[in-house]
Amino acid sequence: MSTTITLKGIPENVYGQLKSSAEANRRSINSEAIACLETVLLPRKTNALAHLEKAKSIRNSLTPGQFMPEDIDQFKNSGRS
Protein backbone atom coordinates (compact mmCIF):
# COMPACT_ATOMS: atom_id res chain seq x y z
CA MET A 1 0.00 0.00 0.00
CA SER A 2 1.30 3.45 -0.82
CA THR A 3 0.46 6.80 0.67
CA THR A 4 0.59 10.28 -0.80
CA ILE A 5 2.25 13.14 1.07
CA THR A 6 2.81 16.78 0.21
CA LEU A 7 6.01 18.55 1.23
CA LYS A 8 5.92 22.29 1.85
CA GLY A 9 8.68 24.79 2.39
CA ILE A 10 11.48 22.79 0.78
CA PRO A 11 14.57 25.02 0.71
CA GLU A 12 15.65 25.97 -2.82
CA ASN A 13 19.10 24.40 -2.41
CA VAL A 14 17.59 21.08 -1.25
CA TYR A 15 15.12 21.11 -4.15
CA GLY A 16 17.95 21.89 -6.57
CA GLN A 17 19.99 18.96 -5.27
CA LEU A 18 16.97 16.65 -5.48
CA LYS A 19 16.25 17.78 -9.04
CA SER A 20 19.89 17.31 -10.12
CA SER A 21 20.03 13.89 -8.50
CA ALA A 22 16.77 12.88 -10.20
CA GLU A 23 18.12 13.92 -13.59
CA ALA A 24 21.41 12.08 -13.01
CA ASN A 25 19.52 8.91 -12.04
CA ARG A 26 16.91 9.32 -14.80
CA ARG A 27 14.07 9.46 -12.30
CA SER A 28 11.19 11.81 -11.64
CA ILE A 29 11.62 14.11 -8.67
CA ASN A 30 8.98 12.06 -6.84
CA SER A 31 10.82 8.78 -7.49
CA GLU A 32 14.12 10.34 -6.44
CA ALA A 33 12.57 11.60 -3.19
CA ILE A 34 11.27 8.09 -2.47
CA ALA A 35 14.69 6.59 -3.24
CA CYS A 36 16.35 9.09 -0.87
CA LEU A 37 13.86 8.33 1.90
CA GLU A 38 14.32 4.58 1.44
CA THR A 39 18.10 4.95 1.59
CA VAL A 40 17.94 6.85 4.86
CA LEU A 41 15.03 5.13 6.58
CA LEU A 42 15.09 1.48 5.54
CA PRO A 43 17.80 -0.83 6.81
CA ARG A 44 19.93 -2.44 4.15
CA LYS A 45 21.18 -5.92 4.74
CA THR A 46 23.97 -6.85 2.39
CA ASN A 47 26.33 -9.73 2.42
CA ALA A 48 29.71 -10.46 0.90
CA LEU A 49 28.14 -12.12 -2.14
CA ALA A 50 26.06 -9.04 -2.90
CA HIS A 51 29.17 -6.82 -2.67
CA LEU A 52 31.07 -9.19 -4.95
CA GLU A 53 28.28 -9.15 -7.55
CA LYS A 54 28.19 -5.35 -7.46
CA ALA A 55 31.97 -5.17 -7.92
CA LYS A 56 31.78 -7.57 -10.88
CA SER A 57 28.99 -5.50 -12.43
CA ILE A 58 31.04 -2.32 -12.14
CA ARG A 59 34.16 -4.05 -13.49
CA ASN A 60 32.22 -5.44 -16.47
CA SER A 61 30.82 -1.99 -17.28
CA LEU A 62 34.32 -0.55 -17.81
CA THR A 63 35.85 -0.34 -21.24
CA PRO A 64 38.74 -2.82 -21.54
CA GLY A 65 42.09 -1.02 -21.42
CA GLN A 66 40.51 2.13 -20.00
CA PHE A 67 42.68 1.91 -16.89
CA MET A 68 46.20 0.60 -16.94
CA PRO A 69 47.61 -1.22 -13.87
CA GLU A 70 50.08 1.63 -13.31
CA ASP A 71 47.22 4.14 -13.29
CA ILE A 72 45.28 2.07 -10.78
CA ASP A 73 48.33 1.84 -8.50
CA GLN A 74 48.81 5.59 -8.78
CA PHE A 75 45.15 6.23 -7.87
CA LYS A 76 45.41 3.87 -4.88
CA ASN A 77 48.60 5.50 -3.63
CA SER A 78 47.66 9.14 -4.21
CA GLY A 79 47.41 10.99 -0.95
CA ARG A 80 49.24 8.31 1.00
CA SER A 81 52.49 9.12 2.75
C-alpha atoms as a PDB file:
ATOM      1  CA  MET A   1       0.000   0.000   0.000  1.00  0.00           C
ATOM      2  CA  SER A   2       1.301   3.448  -0.817  1.00  0.00           C
ATOM      3  CA  THR A   3       0.460   6.802   0.673  1.00  0.00           C
ATOM      4  CA  THR A   4       0.593  10.281  -0.798  1.00  0.00           C
ATOM      5  CA  ILE A   5       2.254  13.142   1.067  1.00  0.00           C
ATOM      6  CA  THR A   6       2.811  16.779   0.207  1.00  0.00           C
ATOM      7  CA  LEU A   7       6.007  18.551   1.226  1.00  0.00           C
ATOM      8  CA  LYS A   8       5.922  22.294   1.845  1.00  0.00           C
ATOM      9  CA  GLY A   9       8.676  24.792   2.388  1.00  0.00           C
ATOM     10  CA  ILE A  10      11.483  22.794   0.780  1.00  0.00           C
ATOM     11  CA  PRO A  11      14.574  25.024   0.708  1.00  0.00           C
ATOM     12  CA  GLU A  12      15.653  25.971  -2.823  1.00  0.00           C
ATOM     13  CA  ASN A  13      19.099  24.398  -2.412  1.00  0.00           C
ATOM     14  CA  VAL A  14      17.585  21.082  -1.255  1.00  0.00           C
ATOM     15  CA  TYR A  15      15.124  21.111  -4.151  1.00  0.00           C
ATOM     16  CA  GLY A  16      17.948  21.890  -6.569  1.00  0.00           C
ATOM     17  CA  GLN A  17      19.989  18.959  -5.267  1.00  0.00           C
ATOM     18  CA  LEU A  18      16.973  16.653  -5.483  1.00  0.00           C
ATOM     19  CA  LYS A  19      16.249  17.779  -9.045  1.00  0.00           C
ATOM     20  CA  SER A  20      19.888  17.315 -10.117  1.00  0.00           C
ATOM     21  CA  SER A  21      20.028  13.886  -8.502  1.00  0.00           C
ATOM     22  CA  ALA A  22      16.773  12.875 -10.200  1.00  0.00           C
ATOM     23  CA  GLU A  23      18.117  13.924 -13.591  1.00  0.00           C
ATOM     24  CA  ALA A  24      21.407  12.079 -13.010  1.00  0.00           C
ATOM     25  CA  ASN A  25      19.521   8.914 -12.037  1.00  0.00           C
ATOM     26  CA  ARG A  26      16.911   9.324 -14.797  1.00  0.00           C
ATOM     27  CA  ARG A  27      14.066   9.459 -12.298  1.00  0.00           C
ATOM     28  CA  SER A  28      11.194  11.812 -11.637  1.00  0.00           C
ATOM     29  CA  ILE A  29      11.617  14.114  -8.667  1.00  0.00           C
ATOM     30  CA  ASN A  30       8.979  12.057  -6.837  1.00  0.00           C
ATOM     31  CA  SER A  31      10.815   8.780  -7.493  1.00  0.00           C
ATOM     32  CA  GLU A  32      14.116  10.345  -6.437  1.00  0.00           C
ATOM     33  CA  ALA A  33      12.573  11.605  -3.187  1.00  0.00           C
ATOM     34  CA  ILE A  34      11.265   8.094  -2.475  1.00  0.00           C
ATOM     35  CA  ALA A  35      14.689   6.586  -3.238  1.00  0.00           C
ATOM     36  CA  CYS A  36      16.352   9.088  -0.867  1.00  0.00           C
ATOM     37  CA  LEU A  37      13.861   8.329   1.901  1.00  0.00           C
ATOM     38  CA  GLU A  38      14.320   4.580   1.444  1.00  0.00           C
ATOM     39  CA  THR A  39      18.103   4.946   1.595  1.00  0.00           C
ATOM     40  CA  VAL A  40      17.938   6.854   4.857  1.00  0.00           C
ATOM     41  CA  LEU A  41      15.026   5.127   6.577  1.00  0.00           C
ATOM     42  CA  LEU A  42      15.094   1.481   5.536  1.00  0.00           C
ATOM     43  CA  PRO A  43      17.804  -0.828   6.812  1.00  0.00           C
ATOM     44  CA  ARG A  44      19.933  -2.443   4.146  1.00  0.00           C
ATOM     45  CA  LYS A  45      21.184  -5.920   4.744  1.00  0.00           C
ATOM     46  CA  THR A  46      23.972  -6.845   2.387  1.00  0.00           C
ATOM     47  CA  ASN A  47      26.326  -9.728   2.420  1.00  0.00           C
ATOM     48  CA  ALA A  48      29.711 -10.460   0.898  1.00  0.00           C
ATOM     49  CA  LEU A  49      28.142 -12.119  -2.142  1.00  0.00           C
ATOM     50  CA  ALA A  50      26.056  -9.036  -2.902  1.00  0.00           C
ATOM     51  CA  HIS A  51      29.168  -6.825  -2.668  1.00  0.00           C
ATOM     52  CA  LEU A  52      31.072  -9.195  -4.951  1.00  0.00           C
ATOM     53  CA  GLU A  53      28.283  -9.146  -7.550  1.00  0.00           C
ATOM     54  CA  LYS A  54      28.187  -5.349  -7.458  1.00  0.00           C
ATOM     55  CA  ALA A  55      31.969  -5.167  -7.919  1.00  0.00           C
ATOM     56  CA  LYS A  56      31.778  -7.574 -10.878  1.00  0.00           C
ATOM     57  CA  SER A  57      28.994  -5.498 -12.429  1.00  0.00           C
ATOM     58  CA  ILE A  58      31.044  -2.323 -12.139  1.00  0.00           C
ATOM     59  CA  ARG A  59      34.156  -4.046 -13.493  1.00  0.00           C
ATOM     60  CA  ASN A  60      32.221  -5.438 -16.472  1.00  0.00           C
ATOM     61  CA  SER A  61      30.823  -1.993 -17.283  1.00  0.00           C
ATOM     62  CA  LEU A  62      34.316  -0.547 -17.813  1.00  0.00           C
ATOM     63  CA  THR A  63      35.849  -0.338 -21.243  1.00  0.00           C
ATOM     64  CA  PRO A  64      38.745  -2.819 -21.543  1.00  0.00           C
ATOM     65  CA  GLY A  65      42.088  -1.019 -21.421  1.00  0.00           C
ATOM     66  CA  GLN A  66      40.510   2.132 -20.002  1.00  0.00           C
ATOM     67  CA  PHE A  67      42.677   1.911 -16.895  1.00  0.00           C
ATOM     68  CA  MET A  68      46.203   0.595 -16.939  1.00  0.00           C
ATOM     69  CA  PRO A  69      47.607  -1.225 -13.868  1.00  0.00           C
ATOM     70  CA  GLU A  70      50.078   1.629 -13.309  1.00  0.00           C
ATOM     71  CA  ASP A  71      47.218   4.140 -13.290  1.00  0.00           C
ATOM     72  CA  ILE A  72      45.276   2.068 -10.783  1.00  0.00           C
ATOM     73  CA  ASP A  73      48.330   1.839  -8.499  1.00  0.00           C
ATOM     74  CA  GLN A  74      48.811   5.589  -8.776  1.00  0.00           C
ATOM     75  CA  PHE A  75      45.151   6.227  -7.870  1.00  0.00           C
ATOM     76  CA  LYS A  76      45.407   3.872  -4.882  1.00  0.00           C
ATOM     77  CA  ASN A  77      48.601   5.503  -3.633  1.00  0.00           C
ATOM     78  CA  SER A  78      47.656   9.140  -4.209  1.00  0.00           C
ATOM     79  CA  GLY A  79      47.413  10.992  -0.945  1.00  0.00           C
ATOM     80  CA  ARG A  80      49.239   8.307   0.996  1.00  0.00           C
ATOM     81  CA  SER A  81      52.492   9.120   2.749  1.00  0.00           C
END
